[in-house]
PDB file of N, CA and C in Angstrom:
ATOM      1  N   MET A   1      63.309  20.251 127.651  1.00  0.00           N
ATOM      2  CA  MET A   1      64.370  19.273 127.641  1.00  0.00           C
ATOM      3  C   MET A   1      65.659  19.885 127.081  1.00  0.00           C
ATOM      4  N   ARG A   2      65.522  20.699 126.035  1.00  0.00           N
ATOM      5  CA  ARG A   2      66.694  21.327 125.426  1.00  0.00           C
ATOM      6  C   ARG A   2      67.439  22.174 126.447  1.00  0.00           C
ATOM      7  N   ASP A   3      66.691  22.949 127.243  1.00  0.00           N
ATOM      8  CA  ASP A   3      67.341  23.813 128.232  1.00  0.00           C
ATOM      9  C   ASP A   3      68.111  22.992 129.268  1.00  0.00           C
ATOM     10  N   LEU A   4      67.579  21.844 129.638  1.00  0.00           N
ATOM     11  CA  LEU A   4      68.272  20.984 130.594  1.00  0.00           C
ATOM     12  C   LEU A   4      69.579  20.459 129.993  1.00  0.00           C
ATOM     13  N   ILE A   5      69.534  20.025 128.750  1.00  0.00           N
ATOM     14  CA  ILE A   5      70.744  19.518 128.090  1.00  0.00           C
ATOM     15  C   ILE A   5      71.774  20.632 127.949  1.00  0.00           C
ATOM     16  N   VAL A   6      71.324  21.821 127.559  1.00  0.00           N
ATOM     17  CA  VAL A   6      72.225  22.975 127.433  1.00  0.00           C
ATOM     18  C   VAL A   6      72.866  23.296 128.781  1.00  0.00           C
ATOM     19  N   HIS A   7      72.068  23.259 129.824  1.00  0.00           N
ATOM     20  CA  HIS A   7      72.560  23.515 131.183  1.00  0.00           C
ATOM     21  C   HIS A   7      73.645  22.497 131.554  1.00  0.00           C
ATOM     22  N   LEU A   8      73.353  21.218 131.338  1.00  0.00           N
ATOM     23  CA  LEU A   8      74.326  20.172 131.660  1.00  0.00           C
ATOM     24  C   LEU A   8      75.588  20.292 130.805  1.00  0.00           C
ATOM     25  N   ASN A   9      75.413  20.650 129.534  1.00  0.00           N
ATOM     26  CA  ASN A   9      76.572  20.829 128.653  1.00  0.00           C
ATOM     27  C   ASN A   9      77.487  21.939 129.168  1.00  0.00           C
ATOM     28  N   PHE A  10      76.889  23.030 129.615  1.00  0.00           N
ATOM     29  CA  PHE A  10      77.669  24.158 130.120  1.00  0.00           C
ATOM     30  C   PHE A  10      78.575  23.701 131.267  1.00  0.00           C
ATOM     31  N   TRP A  11      77.981  22.987 132.222  1.00  0.00           N
ATOM     32  CA  TRP A  11      78.756  22.542 133.381  1.00  0.00           C
ATOM     33  C   TRP A  11      79.739  21.444 133.000  1.00  0.00           C
ATOM     34  N   GLN A  12      79.390  20.601 132.041  1.00  0.00           N
ATOM     35  CA  GLN A  12      80.311  19.569 131.565  1.00  0.00           C
ATOM     36  C   GLN A  12      81.530  20.210 130.906  1.00  0.00           C
ATOM     37  N   GLN A  13      81.283  21.241 130.117  1.00  0.00           N
ATOM     38  CA  GLN A  13      82.384  21.940 129.458  1.00  0.00           C
ATOM     39  C   GLN A  13      83.326  22.551 130.497  1.00  0.00           C
ATOM     40  N   TYR A  14      82.753  23.134 131.544  1.00  0.00           N
ATOM     41  CA  TYR A  14      83.573  23.716 132.605  1.00  0.00           C
ATOM     42  C   TYR A  14      84.349  22.621 133.342  1.00  0.00           C
ATOM     43  N   LYS A  15      83.698  21.497 133.615  1.00  0.00           N
ATOM     44  CA  LYS A  15      84.381  20.384 134.276  1.00  0.00           C
ATOM     45  C   LYS A  15      85.544  19.880 133.425  1.00  0.00           C
ATOM     46  N   ASN A  16      85.324  19.761 132.125  1.00  0.00           N
ATOM     47  CA  ASN A  16      86.399  19.310 131.240  1.00  0.00           C
ATOM     48  C   ASN A  16      87.572  20.283 131.282  1.00  0.00           C
ATOM     49  N   ALA A  17      87.267  21.563 131.275  1.00  0.00           N
ATOM     50  CA  ALA A  17      88.332  22.577 131.336  1.00  0.00           C
ATOM     51  C   ALA A  17      89.099  22.472 132.650  1.00  0.00           C
ATOM     52  N   ARG A  18      88.389  22.217 133.735  1.00  0.00           N
ATOM     53  CA  ARG A  18      89.046  22.076 135.040  1.00  0.00           C
ATOM     54  C   ARG A  18      89.908  20.819 135.091  1.00  0.00           C
ATOM     55  N   LEU A  19      89.418  19.736 134.516  1.00  0.00           N
ATOM     56  CA  LEU A  19      90.217  18.507 134.468  1.00  0.00           C
ATOM     57  C   LEU A  19      91.509  18.729 133.685  1.00  0.00           C
ATOM     58  N   GLN A  20      91.376  19.355 132.508  1.00  0.00           N
ATOM     59  CA  GLN A  20      92.562  19.608 131.678  1.00  0.00           C
ATOM     60  C   GLN A  20      93.516  20.560 132.379  1.00  0.00           C
ATOM     61  N   ALA A  21      92.996  21.566 133.030  1.00  0.00           N
ATOM     62  CA  ALA A  21      93.846  22.518 133.753  1.00  0.00           C
ATOM     63  C   ALA A  21      94.594  21.827 134.892  1.00  0.00           C
ATOM     64  N   ALA A  22      93.934  20.918 135.576  1.00  0.00           N
ATOM     65  CA  ALA A  22      94.595  20.188 136.660  1.00  0.00           C
ATOM     66  C   ALA A  22      95.747  19.350 136.114  1.00  0.00           C
ATOM     67  N   ILE A  23      95.537  18.730 134.982  1.00  0.00           N
ATOM     68  CA  ILE A  23      96.599  17.939 134.350  1.00  0.00           C
ATOM     69  C   ILE A  23      97.756  18.841 133.940  1.00  0.00           C
ATOM     70  N   ASP A  24      97.415  20.027 133.408  1.00  0.00           N
ATOM     71  CA  ASP A  24      98.434  20.968 132.921  1.00  0.00           C
ATOM     72  C   ASP A  24      99.070  21.797 134.032  1.00  0.00           C
ATOM     73  N   GLY A  25      98.511  21.727 135.241  1.00  0.00           N
ATOM     74  CA  GLY A  25      99.020  22.529 136.348  1.00  0.00           C
ATOM     75  C   GLY A  25      98.664  23.998 136.227  1.00  0.00           C
ATOM     76  N   THR A  26      97.518  24.279 135.601  1.00  0.00           N
ATOM     77  CA  THR A  26      97.064  25.665 135.423  1.00  0.00           C
ATOM     78  C   THR A  26      95.672  25.819 136.048  1.00  0.00           C
ATOM     79  N   GLU A  27      95.105  26.971 135.871  1.00  0.00           N
ATOM     80  CA  GLU A  27      93.743  27.257 136.329  1.00  0.00           C
ATOM     81  C   GLU A  27      92.827  27.344 135.118  1.00  0.00           C
ATOM     82  N   ALA A  28      91.643  26.771 135.228  1.00  0.00           N
ATOM     83  CA  ALA A  28      90.657  26.875 134.152  1.00  0.00           C
ATOM     84  C   ALA A  28      90.030  28.264 134.165  1.00  0.00           C
ATOM     85  N   GLU A  29      89.796  28.796 132.972  1.00  0.00           N
ATOM     86  CA  GLU A  29      89.096  30.070 132.856  1.00  0.00           C
ATOM     87  C   GLU A  29      87.631  29.874 133.206  1.00  0.00           C
ATOM     88  N   LEU A  30      87.066  30.847 133.907  1.00  0.00           N
ATOM     89  CA  LEU A  30      85.641  30.775 134.214  1.00  0.00           C
ATOM     90  C   LEU A  30      84.850  31.066 132.942  1.00  0.00           C
ATOM     91  N   PRO A  31      83.834  30.267 132.645  1.00  0.00           N
ATOM     92  CA  PRO A  31      83.060  30.471 131.419  1.00  0.00           C
ATOM     93  C   PRO A  31      81.918  31.466 131.581  1.00  0.00           C
ATOM     94  N   TRP A  32      81.864  32.157 132.705  1.00  0.00           N
ATOM     95  CA  TRP A  32      80.827  33.148 132.945  1.00  0.00           C
ATOM     96  C   TRP A  32      81.486  34.489 133.248  1.00  0.00           C
ATOM     97  N   PRO A  33      80.707  35.575 133.151  1.00  0.00           N
ATOM     98  CA  PRO A  33      81.276  36.910 133.395  1.00  0.00           C
ATOM     99  C   PRO A  33      81.877  37.037 134.803  1.00  0.00           C
ATOM    100  N   ALA A  34      82.983  37.719 134.888  1.00  0.00           N
ATOM    101  CA  ALA A  34      83.694  37.887 136.158  1.00  0.00           C
ATOM    102  C   ALA A  34      82.841  38.544 137.230  1.00  0.00           C
ATOM    103  N   GLU A  35      81.909  39.397 136.827  1.00  0.00           N
ATOM    104  CA  GLU A  35      81.097  40.085 137.841  1.00  0.00           C
ATOM    105  C   GLU A  35      80.222  39.118 138.639  1.00  0.00           C
ATOM    106  N   PHE A  36      79.984  37.933 138.111  1.00  0.00           N
ATOM    107  CA  PHE A  36      79.203  36.943 138.865  1.00  0.00           C
ATOM    108  C   PHE A  36      79.947  36.502 140.123  1.00  0.00           C
ATOM    109  N   GLU A  37      81.265  36.616 140.115  1.00  0.00           N
ATOM    110  CA  GLU A  37      82.058  36.229 141.279  1.00  0.00           C
ATOM    111  C   GLU A  37      81.824  37.152 142.471  1.00  0.00           C
ATOM    112  N   SER A  38      81.310  38.345 142.223  1.00  0.00           N
ATOM    113  CA  SER A  38      81.077  39.284 143.321  1.00  0.00           C
ATOM    114  C   SER A  38      79.686  39.127 143.946  1.00  0.00           C
ATOM    115  N   ILE A  39      78.894  38.200 143.465  1.00  0.00           N
ATOM    116  CA  ILE A  39      77.580  37.932 144.059  1.00  0.00           C
ATOM    117  C   ILE A  39      77.814  37.130 145.333  1.00  0.00           C
ATOM    118  N   ASP A  40      77.437  37.716 146.467  1.00  0.00           N
ATOM    119  CA  ASP A  40      77.736  37.100 147.762  1.00  0.00           C
ATOM    120  C   ASP A  40      76.866  35.878 148.069  1.00  0.00           C
ATOM    121  N   ASP A  41      75.606  35.939 147.690  1.00  0.00           N
ATOM    122  CA  ASP A  41      74.704  34.827 147.978  1.00  0.00           C
ATOM    123  C   ASP A  41      74.951  33.706 146.962  1.00  0.00           C
ATOM    124  N   GLU A  42      75.339  32.529 147.453  1.00  0.00           N
ATOM    125  CA  GLU A  42      75.711  31.423 146.562  1.00  0.00           C
ATOM    126  C   GLU A  42      74.554  31.000 145.664  1.00  0.00           C
ATOM    127  N   ASP A  43      73.338  30.956 146.207  1.00  0.00           N
ATOM    128  CA  ASP A  43      72.177  30.574 145.390  1.00  0.00           C
ATOM    129  C   ASP A  43      71.937  31.583 144.273  1.00  0.00           C
ATOM    130  N   GLU A  44      72.063  32.858 144.579  1.00  0.00           N
ATOM    131  CA  GLU A  44      71.893  33.895 143.560  1.00  0.00           C
ATOM    132  C   GLU A  44      72.983  33.792 142.497  1.00  0.00           C
ATOM    133  N   GLN A  45      74.195  33.511 142.937  1.00  0.00           N
ATOM    134  CA  GLN A  45      75.308  33.381 141.998  1.00  0.00           C
ATOM    135  C   GLN A  45      75.067  32.209 141.042  1.00  0.00           C
ATOM    136  N   VAL A  46      74.678  31.065 141.583  1.00  0.00           N
ATOM    137  CA  VAL A  46      74.431  29.890 140.750  1.00  0.00           C
ATOM    138  C   VAL A  46      73.255  30.143 139.804  1.00  0.00           C
ATOM    139  N   ASP A  47      72.211  30.805 140.289  1.00  0.00           N
ATOM    140  CA  ASP A  47      71.077  31.139 139.419  1.00  0.00           C
ATOM    141  C   ASP A  47      71.516  32.037 138.267  1.00  0.00           C
ATOM    142  N   ALA A  48      72.363  33.021 138.563  1.00  0.00           N
ATOM    143  CA  ALA A  48      72.860  33.927 137.519  1.00  0.00           C
ATOM    144  C   ALA A  48      73.693  33.160 136.493  1.00  0.00           C
ATOM    145  N   ILE A  49      74.541  32.259 136.967  1.00  0.00           N
ATOM    146  CA  ILE A  49      75.375  31.465 136.061  1.00  0.00           C
ATOM    147  C   ILE A  49      74.515  30.553 135.201  1.00  0.00           C
ATOM    148  N   ASN A  50      73.535  29.902 135.817  1.00  0.00           N
ATOM    149  CA  ASN A  50      72.669  28.997 135.054  1.00  0.00           C
ATOM    150  C   ASN A  50      71.852  29.745 134.007  1.00  0.00           C
ATOM    151  N   THR A  51      71.365  30.915 134.352  1.00  0.00           N
ATOM    152  CA  THR A  51      70.631  31.737 133.387  1.00  0.00           C
ATOM    153  C   THR A  51      71.554  32.129 132.241  1.00  0.00           C
ATOM    154  N   PHE A  52      72.766  32.528 132.563  1.00  0.00           N
ATOM    155  CA  PHE A  52      73.760  32.880 131.556  1.00  0.00           C
ATOM    156  C   PHE A  52      74.012  31.703 130.616  1.00  0.00           C
ATOM    157  N   ALA A  53      74.150  30.508 131.183  1.00  0.00           N
ATOM    158  CA  ALA A  53      74.435  29.313 130.387  1.00  0.00           C
ATOM    159  C   ALA A  53      73.346  29.066 129.350  1.00  0.00           C
ATOM    160  N   VAL A  54      72.097  29.148 129.768  1.00  0.00           N
ATOM    161  CA  VAL A  54      70.979  28.897 128.849  1.00  0.00           C
ATOM    162  C   VAL A  54      70.893  30.008 127.811  1.00  0.00           C
ATOM    163  N   GLU A  55      71.118  31.253 128.228  1.00  0.00           N
ATOM    164  CA  GLU A  55      71.071  32.376 127.279  1.00  0.00           C
ATOM    165  C   GLU A  55      72.165  32.259 126.216  1.00  0.00           C
ATOM    166  N   GLN A  56      73.339  31.752 126.601  1.00  0.00           N
ATOM    167  CA  GLN A  56      74.447  31.615 125.652  1.00  0.00           C
ATOM    168  C   GLN A  56      74.124  30.630 124.536  1.00  0.00           C
ATOM    169  N   ALA A  57      73.241  29.685 124.820  1.00  0.00           N
ATOM    170  CA  ALA A  57      72.906  28.657 123.837  1.00  0.00           C
ATOM    171  C   ALA A  57      71.491  28.835 123.290  1.00  0.00           C
ATOM    172  N   ALA A  58      70.991  30.064 123.330  1.00  0.00           N
ATOM    173  CA  ALA A  58      69.599  30.327 122.933  1.00  0.00           C
ATOM    174  C   ALA A  58      69.291  29.891 121.504  1.00  0.00           C
ATOM    175  N   SER A  59      70.255  29.986 120.635  1.00  0.00           N
ATOM    176  CA  SER A  59      70.002  29.647 119.228  1.00  0.00           C
ATOM    177  C   SER A  59      70.327  28.185 118.902  1.00  0.00           C
ATOM    178  N   GLN A  60      70.793  27.432 119.883  1.00  0.00           N
ATOM    179  CA  GLN A  60      71.169  26.043 119.642  1.00  0.00           C
ATOM    180  C   GLN A  60      69.923  25.147 119.659  1.00  0.00           C
ATOM    181  N   SER A  61      69.778  24.322 118.648  1.00  0.00           N
ATOM    182  CA  SER A  61      68.638  23.404 118.579  1.00  0.00           C
ATOM    183  C   SER A  61      68.827  22.257 119.565  1.00  0.00           C
ATOM    184  N   GLY A  62      67.759  21.540 119.832  1.00  0.00           N
ATOM    185  CA  GLY A  62      67.843  20.370 120.696  1.00  0.00           C
ATOM    186  C   GLY A  62      68.789  19.327 120.135  1.00  0.00           C
ATOM    187  N   ALA A  63      68.714  19.103 118.834  1.00  0.00           N
ATOM    188  CA  ALA A  63      69.602  18.120 118.198  1.00  0.00           C
ATOM    189  C   ALA A  63      71.065  18.541 118.330  1.00  0.00           C
ATOM    190  N   ASP A  64      71.333  19.834 118.151  1.00  0.00           N
ATOM    191  CA  ASP A  64      72.703  20.322 118.303  1.00  0.00           C
ATOM    192  C   ASP A  64      73.173  20.189 119.749  1.00  0.00           C
ATOM    193  N   ALA A  65      72.269  20.422 120.697  1.00  0.00           N
ATOM    194  CA  ALA A  65      72.617  20.289 122.116  1.00  0.00           C
ATOM    195  C   ALA A  65      72.971  18.842 122.447  1.00  0.00           C
ATOM    196  N   ILE A  66      72.238  17.901 121.890  1.00  0.00           N
ATOM    197  CA  ILE A  66      72.535  16.480 122.112  1.00  0.00           C
ATOM    198  C   ILE A  66      73.883  16.128 121.488  1.00  0.00           C
ATOM    199  N   GLY A  67      74.139  16.613 120.288  1.00  0.00           N
ATOM    200  CA  GLY A  67      75.430  16.386 119.650  1.00  0.00           C
ATOM    201  C   GLY A  67      76.571  16.958 120.461  1.00  0.00           C
ATOM    202  N   GLU A  68      76.364  18.147 121.010  1.00  0.00           N
ATOM    203  CA  GLU A  68      77.381  18.777 121.857  1.00  0.00           C
ATOM    204  C   GLU A  68      77.614  17.951 123.116  1.00  0.00           C
ATOM    205  N   SER A  69      76.560  17.395 123.663  1.00  0.00           N
ATOM    206  CA  SER A  69      76.683  16.545 124.848  1.00  0.00           C
ATOM    207  C   SER A  69      77.567  15.339 124.554  1.00  0.00           C
ATOM    208  N   HIS A  70      77.326  14.692 123.438  1.00  0.00           N
ATOM    209  CA  HIS A  70      78.156  13.541 123.055  1.00  0.00           C
ATOM    210  C   HIS A  70      79.609  13.955 122.878  1.00  0.00           C
ATOM    211  N   ARG A  71      79.839  15.099 122.233  1.00  0.00           N
ATOM    212  CA  ARG A  71      81.199  15.587 122.017  1.00  0.00           C
ATOM    213  C   ARG A  71      81.896  15.855 123.351  1.00  0.00           C
ATOM    214  N   LEU A  72      81.166  16.459 124.284  1.00  0.00           N
ATOM    215  CA  LEU A  72      81.764  16.800 125.573  1.00  0.00           C
ATOM    216  C   LEU A  72      82.113  15.559 126.386  1.00  0.00           C
ATOM    217  N   TRP A  73      81.260  14.537 126.337  1.00  0.00           N
ATOM    218  CA  TRP A  73      81.584  13.297 127.045  1.00  0.00           C
ATOM    219  C   TRP A  73      82.798  12.622 126.414  1.00  0.00           C
ATOM    220  N   ASN A  74      82.871  12.612 125.090  1.00  0.00           N
ATOM    221  CA  ASN A  74      84.045  12.043 124.417  1.00  0.00           C
ATOM    222  C   ASN A  74      85.304  12.817 124.776  1.00  0.00           C
ATOM    223  N   GLU A  75      85.171  14.138 124.883  1.00  0.00           N
ATOM    224  CA  GLU A  75      86.299  14.972 125.278  1.00  0.00           C
ATOM    225  C   GLU A  75      86.756  14.611 126.690  1.00  0.00           C
ATOM    226  N   GLN A  76      85.807  14.418 127.609  1.00  0.00           N
ATOM    227  CA  GLN A  76      86.175  14.056 128.971  1.00  0.00           C
ATOM    228  C   GLN A  76      86.891  12.708 128.994  1.00  0.00           C
ATOM    229  N   PHE A  77      86.386  11.743 128.261  1.00  0.00           N
ATOM    230  CA  PHE A  77      87.042  10.429 128.223  1.00  0.00           C
ATOM    231  C   PHE A  77      88.470  10.563 127.695  1.00  0.00           C
ATOM    232  N   ALA A  78      88.676  11.386 126.689  1.00  0.00           N
ATOM    233  CA  ALA A  78      90.017  11.594 126.131  1.00  0.00           C
ATOM    234  C   ALA A  78      90.935  12.257 127.147  1.00  0.00           C
ATOM    235  N   ILE A  79      90.403  13.174 127.937  1.00  0.00           N
ATOM    236  CA  ILE A  79      91.213  13.873 128.941  1.00  0.00           C
ATOM    237  C   ILE A  79      91.690  12.904 130.020  1.00  0.00           C
ATOM    238  N   ILE A  80      90.825  11.996 130.445  1.00  0.00           N
ATOM    239  CA  ILE A  80      91.180  11.137 131.578  1.00  0.00           C
ATOM    240  C   ILE A  80      91.870   9.840 131.176  1.00  0.00           C
ATOM    241  N   GLU A  81      91.999   9.598 129.883  1.00  0.00           N
ATOM    242  CA  GLU A  81      92.702   8.374 129.439  1.00  0.00           C
ATOM    243  C   GLU A  81      94.181   8.464 129.667  1.00  0.00           C
TER     244      GLU A  81
END
């Protein structure tokens, strides 16, 4: 369950960055290594990104992941208000 929450948090964080960038008229920074962009097969690229996301949060507890999820949703609500 923790890995699923971490995975969703990663993509939520990226979505929030994209929303804010759209408001600011800029581009959001990619939260994964640039070399992933050179992976031609889309499924392989997404698998690499998802693996990266879970590895980045390897030391995060389930409780911390849930707290981060709440923070990210609150951040999104603040961005779109």
